[in-house]
């Protein structure tokens, strides 16, 4: 399987370098921008599977980056990071279309778990889209009941099944 394309948009250059180094050993091709407007340009030029972006950056904020990503018909998952957070901010970010939200400071393993969950969700989306293109209409046409039970027992599976239900009007 090919590596997922990850864009990190973080104005703190030390944190961006730390994230890039920590995540480079995994399953990601990593690209880094230190300004929001640079991230917007990169997103307009190339497709990314996941965007990990700070909310407060020079040039453009993370919610603007999120809005730009949402214009692309190919699904990109966005995880927002911020040092200025409360539960209201997290809820607002998810309502705006973010896949996830993380408060700074965070532990590096927490970021890896969130990205790995996003990667699994991205795989589920692609599998479902491929099967939908084959004339299949629902998750039960794609996954066996045992597979669906296994997904629901995982945090990322719950998110995936909820997203599927929302999209299908269930």
N, C-alpha and C. Protein backbone atom coordinates (compact mmCIF):
# COMPACT_ATOMS: atom_id res chain seq x y z
N UNK A 1 0.84 -1.18 0.00
CA UNK A 1 0.00 0.00 0.00
C UNK A 1 0.89 1.24 0.00
N UNK A 2 0.50 2.25 -0.77
CA UNK A 2 1.30 3.47 -0.84
C UNK A 2 1.13 4.29 0.43
N UNK A 3 2.12 5.12 0.67
CA UNK A 3 2.07 5.98 1.85
C UNK A 3 1.00 7.05 1.68
N UNK A 4 0.39 7.42 2.81
CA UNK A 4 -0.58 8.50 2.80
C UNK A 4 0.16 9.83 2.78
N UNK A 5 -0.42 10.79 2.06
CA UNK A 5 0.18 12.12 1.97
C UNK A 5 -0.35 12.98 3.12
N UNK A 6 0.58 13.47 3.94
CA UNK A 6 0.25 14.26 5.12
C UNK A 6 0.85 15.65 4.99
N UNK A 7 0.00 16.67 5.14
CA UNK A 7 0.46 18.05 5.18
C UNK A 7 0.40 18.52 6.63
N UNK A 8 1.53 18.99 7.14
CA UNK A 8 1.58 19.59 8.47
C UNK A 8 1.68 21.09 8.28
N UNK A 9 0.71 21.83 8.80
CA UNK A 9 0.72 23.30 8.75
C UNK A 9 0.86 23.80 10.18
N UNK A 10 2.05 24.23 10.53
CA UNK A 10 2.37 24.64 11.91
C UNK A 10 3.39 25.76 11.86
N UNK A 11 3.06 26.92 12.45
CA UNK A 11 3.96 28.06 12.42
C UNK A 11 5.12 27.94 13.41
N UNK A 12 5.00 27.12 14.41
CA UNK A 12 6.10 26.87 15.34
C UNK A 12 7.06 25.89 14.64
N UNK A 13 8.16 26.43 14.12
CA UNK A 13 9.06 25.61 13.31
C UNK A 13 9.67 24.44 14.08
N UNK A 14 9.94 24.64 15.36
CA UNK A 14 10.50 23.55 16.17
C UNK A 14 9.49 22.41 16.32
N UNK A 15 8.23 22.75 16.58
CA UNK A 15 7.20 21.72 16.70
C UNK A 15 6.97 21.03 15.37
N UNK A 16 6.95 21.80 14.28
CA UNK A 16 6.76 21.21 12.95
C UNK A 16 7.88 20.22 12.64
N UNK A 17 9.12 20.60 12.95
CA UNK A 17 10.26 19.71 12.71
C UNK A 17 10.18 18.45 13.58
N UNK A 18 9.76 18.62 14.82
CA UNK A 18 9.60 17.48 15.72
C UNK A 18 8.53 16.51 15.20
N UNK A 19 7.39 17.05 14.78
CA UNK A 19 6.32 16.22 14.22
C UNK A 19 6.79 15.50 12.96
N UNK A 20 7.47 16.23 12.09
CA UNK A 20 7.96 15.64 10.85
C UNK A 20 8.92 14.49 11.14
N UNK A 21 9.85 14.71 12.04
CA UNK A 21 10.81 13.66 12.38
C UNK A 21 10.12 12.45 13.02
N UNK A 22 9.23 12.71 13.96
CA UNK A 22 8.54 11.64 14.68
C UNK A 22 7.66 10.81 13.75
N UNK A 23 6.99 11.46 12.82
CA UNK A 23 6.04 10.76 11.95
C UNK A 23 6.68 10.21 10.68
N UNK A 24 7.90 10.62 10.36
CA UNK A 24 8.52 10.20 9.10
C UNK A 24 8.84 8.71 9.06
N UNK A 25 8.91 8.07 10.21
CA UNK A 25 9.20 6.64 10.25
C UNK A 25 7.95 5.81 9.97
N UNK A 26 6.81 6.44 9.87
CA UNK A 26 5.55 5.73 9.68
C UNK A 26 5.14 5.63 8.23
N UNK A 27 3.84 5.63 8.04
CA UNK A 27 3.27 5.37 6.73
C UNK A 27 2.86 6.66 6.01
N UNK A 28 3.62 7.74 6.23
CA UNK A 28 3.23 9.03 5.67
C UNK A 28 4.34 9.65 4.83
N UNK A 29 3.95 10.22 3.69
CA UNK A 29 4.80 11.15 2.95
C UNK A 29 4.45 12.51 3.50
N UNK A 30 5.41 13.18 4.12
CA UNK A 30 5.12 14.39 4.89
C UNK A 30 5.60 15.64 4.17
N UNK A 31 4.73 16.65 4.17
CA UNK A 31 5.03 17.97 3.63
C UNK A 31 4.73 18.97 4.74
N UNK A 32 5.57 19.99 4.88
CA UNK A 32 5.42 20.95 5.98
C UNK A 32 5.32 22.36 5.44
N UNK A 33 4.37 23.13 5.99
CA UNK A 33 4.24 24.57 5.73
C UNK A 33 4.22 25.27 7.08
N UNK A 34 4.82 26.46 7.12
CA UNK A 34 4.88 27.22 8.38
C UNK A 34 3.92 28.40 8.41
N UNK A 35 3.18 28.58 7.33
CA UNK A 35 2.19 29.67 7.26
C UNK A 35 0.90 29.10 6.67
N UNK A 36 -0.21 29.65 7.12
CA UNK A 36 -1.50 29.20 6.62
C UNK A 36 -1.68 29.45 5.14
N UNK A 37 -1.23 30.61 4.64
CA UNK A 37 -1.39 30.90 3.22
C UNK A 37 -0.53 29.96 2.36
N UNK A 38 0.63 29.54 2.86
CA UNK A 38 1.45 28.55 2.14
C UNK A 38 0.73 27.20 2.10
N UNK A 39 0.08 26.84 3.20
CA UNK A 39 -0.69 25.59 3.24
C UNK A 39 -1.84 25.64 2.23
N UNK A 40 -2.51 26.79 2.14
CA UNK A 40 -3.61 26.94 1.18
C UNK A 40 -3.11 26.74 -0.24
N UNK A 41 -1.97 27.33 -0.58
CA UNK A 41 -1.41 27.17 -1.92
C UNK A 41 -1.07 25.71 -2.20
N UNK A 42 -0.47 25.05 -1.22
CA UNK A 42 -0.08 23.64 -1.38
C UNK A 42 -1.32 22.76 -1.60
N UNK A 43 -2.39 23.06 -0.86
CA UNK A 43 -3.64 22.29 -0.98
C UNK A 43 -4.28 22.50 -2.35
N UNK A 44 -4.17 23.71 -2.89
CA UNK A 44 -4.72 23.99 -4.22
C UNK A 44 -3.94 23.28 -5.31
N UNK A 45 -2.65 23.04 -5.08
CA UNK A 45 -1.79 22.43 -6.08
C UNK A 45 -1.77 20.90 -6.02
N UNK A 46 -1.93 20.34 -4.82
CA UNK A 46 -1.76 18.90 -4.63
C UNK A 46 -2.86 18.34 -3.73
N UNK A 47 -3.07 17.03 -3.85
CA UNK A 47 -4.03 16.36 -2.95
C UNK A 47 -3.27 15.76 -1.77
N UNK A 48 -3.87 15.90 -0.58
CA UNK A 48 -3.34 15.28 0.63
C UNK A 48 -4.43 14.40 1.23
N UNK A 49 -4.03 13.30 1.84
CA UNK A 49 -4.99 12.42 2.50
C UNK A 49 -5.40 12.98 3.86
N UNK A 50 -4.41 13.57 4.55
CA UNK A 50 -4.65 14.11 5.89
C UNK A 50 -3.91 15.45 6.00
N UNK A 51 -4.56 16.41 6.63
CA UNK A 51 -3.93 17.70 6.94
C UNK A 51 -3.96 17.86 8.46
N UNK A 52 -2.79 18.07 9.04
CA UNK A 52 -2.65 18.35 10.47
C UNK A 52 -2.27 19.82 10.57
N UNK A 53 -3.21 20.66 11.03
CA UNK A 53 -2.97 22.09 10.99
C UNK A 53 -3.22 22.78 12.32
N UNK A 54 -2.36 23.75 12.60
CA UNK A 54 -2.56 24.63 13.74
C UNK A 54 -3.75 25.52 13.42
N UNK A 55 -4.47 25.96 14.44
CA UNK A 55 -5.59 26.87 14.22
C UNK A 55 -5.08 28.30 14.03
N UNK A 56 -4.16 28.73 14.88
CA UNK A 56 -3.66 30.11 14.83
C UNK A 56 -2.30 30.12 14.14
N UNK A 57 -2.28 30.71 12.92
CA UNK A 57 -1.04 30.82 12.13
C UNK A 57 -1.06 32.13 11.37
N UNK A 58 0.11 32.63 10.99
CA UNK A 58 0.12 33.81 10.12
C UNK A 58 -0.32 33.43 8.71
N UNK A 59 -0.90 34.38 8.01
CA UNK A 59 -1.29 34.17 6.62
C UNK A 59 -2.71 33.67 6.45
N UNK A 60 -3.09 32.69 7.20
CA UNK A 60 -4.46 32.14 7.20
C UNK A 60 -4.57 31.21 8.39
N UNK A 61 -5.75 31.16 8.99
CA UNK A 61 -5.91 30.29 10.16
C UNK A 61 -6.32 28.88 9.74
N UNK A 62 -6.32 27.99 10.71
CA UNK A 62 -6.63 26.59 10.45
C UNK A 62 -8.05 26.36 9.95
N UNK A 63 -9.00 27.19 10.38
CA UNK A 63 -10.38 27.04 9.90
C UNK A 63 -10.49 27.44 8.43
N UNK A 64 -9.67 28.39 7.98
CA UNK A 64 -9.62 28.75 6.56
C UNK A 64 -9.03 27.59 5.77
N UNK A 65 -7.99 26.97 6.30
CA UNK A 65 -7.41 25.78 5.67
C UNK A 65 -8.46 24.68 5.57
N UNK A 66 -9.20 24.46 6.65
CA UNK A 66 -10.26 23.46 6.66
C UNK A 66 -11.30 23.76 5.58
N UNK A 67 -11.71 25.01 5.45
CA UNK A 67 -12.71 25.39 4.45
C UNK A 67 -12.19 25.12 3.04
N UNK A 68 -10.92 25.37 2.80
CA UNK A 68 -10.33 25.12 1.47
C UNK A 68 -10.30 23.62 1.18
N UNK A 69 -9.93 22.83 2.16
CA UNK A 69 -9.89 21.38 1.98
C UNK A 69 -11.28 20.85 1.63
N UNK A 70 -12.31 21.40 2.26
CA UNK A 70 -13.68 20.94 2.02
C UNK A 70 -14.16 21.21 0.60
N UNK A 71 -13.49 22.09 -0.15
CA UNK A 71 -13.87 22.37 -1.54
C UNK A 71 -13.49 21.22 -2.47
N UNK A 72 -12.51 20.42 -2.07
CA UNK A 72 -12.01 19.33 -2.90
C UNK A 72 -12.97 18.14 -2.82
N UNK A 73 -13.42 17.63 -3.98
CA UNK A 73 -14.34 16.48 -3.94
C UNK A 73 -13.69 15.20 -3.43
N UNK A 74 -12.37 15.13 -3.47
CA UNK A 74 -11.66 13.98 -2.93
C UNK A 74 -11.46 14.23 -1.44
N UNK A 75 -11.94 13.32 -0.62
CA UNK A 75 -11.97 13.53 0.83
C UNK A 75 -10.57 13.61 1.43
N UNK A 76 -10.32 14.72 2.09
CA UNK A 76 -9.11 14.92 2.89
C UNK A 76 -9.56 15.11 4.33
N UNK A 77 -8.92 14.41 5.25
CA UNK A 77 -9.27 14.54 6.66
C UNK A 77 -8.39 15.61 7.30
N UNK A 78 -9.01 16.46 8.11
CA UNK A 78 -8.29 17.55 8.76
C UNK A 78 -8.32 17.36 10.27
N UNK A 79 -7.14 17.42 10.87
CA UNK A 79 -7.01 17.41 12.33
C UNK A 79 -6.47 18.78 12.73
N UNK A 80 -7.23 19.48 13.56
CA UNK A 80 -6.84 20.81 14.02
C UNK A 80 -6.10 20.72 15.35
N UNK A 81 -5.05 21.55 15.49
CA UNK A 81 -4.28 21.64 16.74
C UNK A 81 -4.35 23.07 17.23
N UNK A 82 -4.47 23.26 18.53
CA UNK A 82 -4.42 24.62 19.05
C UNK A 82 -4.02 24.64 20.52
N UNK A 83 -3.39 25.72 20.90
CA UNK A 83 -3.06 25.95 22.30
C UNK A 83 -4.14 26.75 23.00
N UNK A 84 -5.10 27.25 22.22
CA UNK A 84 -6.19 28.07 22.76
C UNK A 84 -7.47 27.27 22.61
N UNK A 85 -7.75 26.39 23.54
CA UNK A 85 -8.89 25.51 23.29
C UNK A 85 -9.79 25.34 24.49
N UNK A 86 -10.99 25.03 24.15
CA UNK A 86 -12.00 24.62 25.11
C UNK A 86 -12.89 23.65 24.38
N UNK A 87 -13.82 23.07 25.07
CA UNK A 87 -14.72 22.11 24.45
C UNK A 87 -15.54 22.76 23.34
N UNK A 88 -15.87 24.05 23.50
CA UNK A 88 -16.65 24.75 22.47
C UNK A 88 -15.85 24.83 21.17
N UNK A 89 -14.54 25.08 21.28
CA UNK A 89 -13.70 25.15 20.09
C UNK A 89 -13.64 23.81 19.37
N UNK A 90 -13.51 22.74 20.13
CA UNK A 90 -13.45 21.41 19.54
C UNK A 90 -14.76 21.09 18.83
N UNK A 91 -15.88 21.38 19.48
CA UNK A 91 -17.18 21.12 18.86
C UNK A 91 -17.36 21.95 17.60
N UNK A 92 -16.97 23.21 17.66
CA UNK A 92 -17.08 24.09 16.49
C UNK A 92 -16.24 23.55 15.34
N UNK A 93 -15.03 23.10 15.63
CA UNK A 93 -14.15 22.57 14.59
C UNK A 93 -14.77 21.34 13.93
N UNK A 94 -15.32 20.44 14.71
CA UNK A 94 -15.94 19.24 14.16
C UNK A 94 -17.19 19.60 13.36
N UNK A 95 -17.97 20.55 13.86
CA UNK A 95 -19.15 21.01 13.12
C UNK A 95 -18.75 21.61 11.77
N UNK A 96 -17.58 22.24 11.71
CA UNK A 96 -17.10 22.83 10.47
C UNK A 96 -16.52 21.79 9.51
N UNK A 97 -16.39 20.55 9.97
CA UNK A 97 -15.93 19.48 9.09
C UNK A 97 -14.60 18.85 9.46
N UNK A 98 -14.00 19.27 10.56
CA UNK A 98 -12.73 18.66 10.97
C UNK A 98 -12.96 17.21 11.38
N UNK A 99 -12.00 16.36 11.07
CA UNK A 99 -12.07 14.97 11.49
C UNK A 99 -11.80 14.86 12.99
N UNK A 100 -10.86 15.68 13.49
CA UNK A 100 -10.47 15.60 14.89
C UNK A 100 -9.87 16.93 15.32
N UNK A 101 -9.67 17.06 16.63
CA UNK A 101 -9.19 18.29 17.24
C UNK A 101 -8.31 17.90 18.41
N UNK A 102 -7.13 18.51 18.51
CA UNK A 102 -6.22 18.19 19.61
C UNK A 102 -5.71 19.49 20.24
N UNK A 103 -5.67 19.50 21.56
CA UNK A 103 -5.18 20.66 22.30
C UNK A 103 -3.69 20.53 22.57
N UNK A 104 -2.99 21.65 22.45
CA UNK A 104 -1.58 21.71 22.83
C UNK A 104 -1.51 22.10 24.30
N UNK A 105 -0.55 21.64 25.03
CA UNK A 105 0.49 20.70 24.60
C UNK A 105 -0.08 19.28 24.53
N UNK A 106 0.52 18.48 23.69
CA UNK A 106 0.10 17.09 23.54
C UNK A 106 1.34 16.20 23.55
N UNK A 107 1.12 14.93 23.74
CA UNK A 107 2.19 13.95 23.67
C UNK A 107 2.27 13.44 22.23
N UNK A 108 3.47 13.22 21.74
CA UNK A 108 3.63 12.75 20.36
C UNK A 108 2.87 11.45 20.08
N UNK A 109 2.86 10.47 21.00
CA UNK A 109 2.08 9.27 20.72
C UNK A 109 0.59 9.56 20.50
N UNK A 110 0.06 10.60 21.16
CA UNK A 110 -1.34 10.97 20.95
C UNK A 110 -1.57 11.39 19.51
N UNK A 111 -0.65 12.14 18.94
CA UNK A 111 -0.78 12.57 17.55
C UNK A 111 -0.71 11.36 16.63
N UNK A 112 0.21 10.44 16.91
CA UNK A 112 0.30 9.24 16.06
C UNK A 112 -1.00 8.44 16.11
N UNK A 113 -1.57 8.28 17.29
CA UNK A 113 -2.84 7.53 17.41
C UNK A 113 -3.93 8.23 16.60
N UNK A 114 -4.03 9.54 16.72
CA UNK A 114 -5.06 10.27 15.98
C UNK A 114 -4.84 10.16 14.47
N UNK A 115 -3.59 10.26 14.04
CA UNK A 115 -3.30 10.12 12.61
C UNK A 115 -3.55 8.69 12.13
N UNK A 116 -3.17 7.71 12.93
CA UNK A 116 -3.42 6.32 12.55
C UNK A 116 -4.91 6.03 12.47
N UNK A 117 -5.70 6.59 13.38
CA UNK A 117 -7.16 6.45 13.31
C UNK A 117 -7.69 7.11 12.03
N UNK A 118 -7.17 8.28 11.71
CA UNK A 118 -7.58 8.96 10.48
C UNK A 118 -7.20 8.13 9.26
N UNK A 119 -6.02 7.51 9.29
CA UNK A 119 -5.59 6.67 8.18
C UNK A 119 -6.51 5.47 8.01
N UNK A 120 -6.90 4.84 9.11
CA UNK A 120 -7.84 3.71 9.03
C UNK A 120 -9.19 4.17 8.48
N UNK A 121 -9.65 5.31 8.93
CA UNK A 121 -10.91 5.86 8.44
C UNK A 121 -10.81 6.15 6.94
N UNK A 122 -9.67 6.71 6.52
CA UNK A 122 -9.46 7.00 5.10
C UNK A 122 -9.52 5.70 4.29
N UNK A 123 -8.94 4.63 4.82
CA UNK A 123 -8.99 3.33 4.15
C UNK A 123 -10.42 2.83 4.05
N UNK A 124 -11.20 2.98 5.12
CA UNK A 124 -12.61 2.59 5.09
C UNK A 124 -13.38 3.39 4.04
N UNK A 125 -13.13 4.68 3.98
CA UNK A 125 -13.81 5.53 3.00
C UNK A 125 -13.49 5.07 1.58
N UNK A 126 -12.22 4.81 1.32
CA UNK A 126 -11.83 4.38 -0.03
C UNK A 126 -12.45 3.03 -0.37
N UNK A 127 -12.46 2.14 0.58
CA UNK A 127 -13.06 0.82 0.33
C UNK A 127 -14.55 0.96 0.05
N UNK A 128 -15.22 1.77 0.83
CA UNK A 128 -16.64 1.99 0.62
C UNK A 128 -16.90 2.66 -0.73
N UNK A 129 -16.10 3.66 -1.08
CA UNK A 129 -16.28 4.34 -2.35
C UNK A 129 -16.05 3.39 -3.52
N UNK A 130 -15.05 2.53 -3.40
CA UNK A 130 -14.79 1.55 -4.45
C UNK A 130 -15.95 0.59 -4.60
N UNK A 131 -16.50 0.15 -3.48
CA UNK A 131 -17.63 -0.76 -3.52
C UNK A 131 -18.89 -0.05 -3.98
N UNK A 132 -19.06 1.20 -3.60
CA UNK A 132 -20.23 1.97 -4.05
C UNK A 132 -20.21 2.12 -5.55
N UNK A 133 -19.02 2.30 -6.11
CA UNK A 133 -18.89 2.40 -7.55
C UNK A 133 -19.25 1.09 -8.24
N UNK A 134 -19.22 0.00 -7.50
CA UNK A 134 -19.57 -1.30 -8.06
C UNK A 134 -21.06 -1.58 -7.92
N UNK A 135 -21.84 -0.57 -7.52
CA UNK A 135 -23.28 -0.73 -7.42
C UNK A 135 -23.77 -1.17 -6.06
N UNK A 136 -22.93 -1.13 -5.06
CA UNK A 136 -23.35 -1.51 -3.72
C UNK A 136 -23.89 -0.28 -3.01
N UNK A 137 -24.94 -0.45 -2.22
CA UNK A 137 -25.66 0.70 -1.69
C UNK A 137 -25.45 0.98 -0.22
N UNK A 138 -24.99 0.04 0.55
CA UNK A 138 -24.90 0.29 1.98
C UNK A 138 -23.67 -0.38 2.58
N UNK A 139 -23.38 -0.01 3.82
CA UNK A 139 -22.22 -0.59 4.50
C UNK A 139 -22.35 -2.11 4.60
N UNK A 140 -23.57 -2.62 4.74
CA UNK A 140 -23.74 -4.07 4.87
C UNK A 140 -23.42 -4.79 3.56
N UNK A 141 -23.43 -4.06 2.43
CA UNK A 141 -23.02 -4.66 1.17
C UNK A 141 -21.50 -4.75 1.07
N UNK A 142 -20.80 -3.94 1.85
CA UNK A 142 -19.35 -3.86 1.79
C UNK A 142 -18.69 -4.69 2.89
N UNK A 143 -19.24 -4.60 4.10
CA UNK A 143 -18.65 -5.24 5.26
C UNK A 143 -19.57 -6.33 5.79
N UNK A 144 -18.99 -7.42 6.27
CA UNK A 144 -19.78 -8.46 6.91
C UNK A 144 -20.22 -7.95 8.28
N UNK A 145 -21.27 -8.54 8.87
CA UNK A 145 -21.67 -8.11 10.22
C UNK A 145 -20.53 -8.20 11.23
N UNK A 146 -19.69 -9.22 11.11
CA UNK A 146 -18.56 -9.35 12.04
C UNK A 146 -17.56 -8.22 11.84
N UNK A 147 -17.29 -7.84 10.58
CA UNK A 147 -16.39 -6.72 10.33
C UNK A 147 -16.99 -5.43 10.89
N UNK A 148 -18.28 -5.23 10.68
CA UNK A 148 -18.92 -4.02 11.18
C UNK A 148 -18.86 -3.98 12.70
N UNK A 149 -19.07 -5.12 13.36
CA UNK A 149 -18.98 -5.16 14.82
C UNK A 149 -17.57 -4.82 15.28
N UNK A 150 -16.56 -5.34 14.59
CA UNK A 150 -15.17 -5.04 14.93
C UNK A 150 -14.85 -3.57 14.76
N UNK A 151 -15.40 -2.94 13.71
CA UNK A 151 -15.17 -1.51 13.49
C UNK A 151 -15.83 -0.68 14.57
N UNK A 152 -17.02 -1.05 14.96
CA UNK A 152 -17.75 -0.28 15.95
C UNK A 152 -17.09 -0.38 17.32
N UNK A 153 -16.37 -1.48 17.56
CA UNK A 153 -15.68 -1.64 18.84
C UNK A 153 -14.39 -0.82 18.91
N UNK A 154 -13.96 -0.24 17.79
CA UNK A 154 -12.77 0.60 17.75
C UNK A 154 -13.20 2.06 17.69
N UNK A 155 -12.48 2.97 18.37
CA UNK A 155 -12.86 4.38 18.32
C UNK A 155 -12.97 4.92 16.91
N UNK A 156 -12.03 4.59 16.02
CA UNK A 156 -12.10 5.09 14.66
C UNK A 156 -13.27 4.46 13.91
N UNK A 157 -13.63 3.23 14.27
CA UNK A 157 -14.77 2.58 13.64
C UNK A 157 -16.07 3.24 13.99
N UNK A 158 -16.19 3.67 15.23
CA UNK A 158 -17.40 4.38 15.65
C UNK A 158 -17.55 5.65 14.84
N UNK A 159 -16.47 6.39 14.69
CA UNK A 159 -16.51 7.61 13.90
C UNK A 159 -16.90 7.30 12.47
N UNK A 160 -16.31 6.26 11.89
CA UNK A 160 -16.60 5.90 10.51
C UNK A 160 -18.06 5.52 10.33
N UNK A 161 -18.58 4.71 11.23
CA UNK A 161 -19.96 4.28 11.09
C UNK A 161 -20.93 5.45 11.31
N UNK A 162 -20.60 6.35 12.24
CA UNK A 162 -21.45 7.53 12.44
C UNK A 162 -21.43 8.40 11.19
N UNK A 163 -20.26 8.60 10.62
CA UNK A 163 -20.15 9.42 9.43
C UNK A 163 -20.94 8.79 8.29
N UNK A 164 -20.85 7.47 8.16
CA UNK A 164 -21.60 6.79 7.11
C UNK A 164 -23.09 6.99 7.32
N UNK A 165 -23.56 6.84 8.55
CA UNK A 165 -24.98 7.00 8.85
C UNK A 165 -25.46 8.40 8.57
N UNK A 166 -24.64 9.42 8.88
CA UNK A 166 -25.02 10.80 8.62
C UNK A 166 -25.11 11.06 7.13
N UNK A 167 -24.17 10.51 6.38
CA UNK A 167 -24.14 10.73 4.95
C UNK A 167 -25.34 10.07 4.27
N UNK A 168 -25.78 8.96 4.79
CA UNK A 168 -26.89 8.23 4.20
C UNK A 168 -28.24 8.67 4.76
N UNK A 169 -28.23 9.65 5.67
CA UNK A 169 -29.48 10.15 6.24
C UNK A 169 -30.10 9.22 7.26
N UNK A 170 -29.29 8.42 7.91
CA UNK A 170 -29.80 7.46 8.90
C UNK A 170 -29.79 8.03 10.27
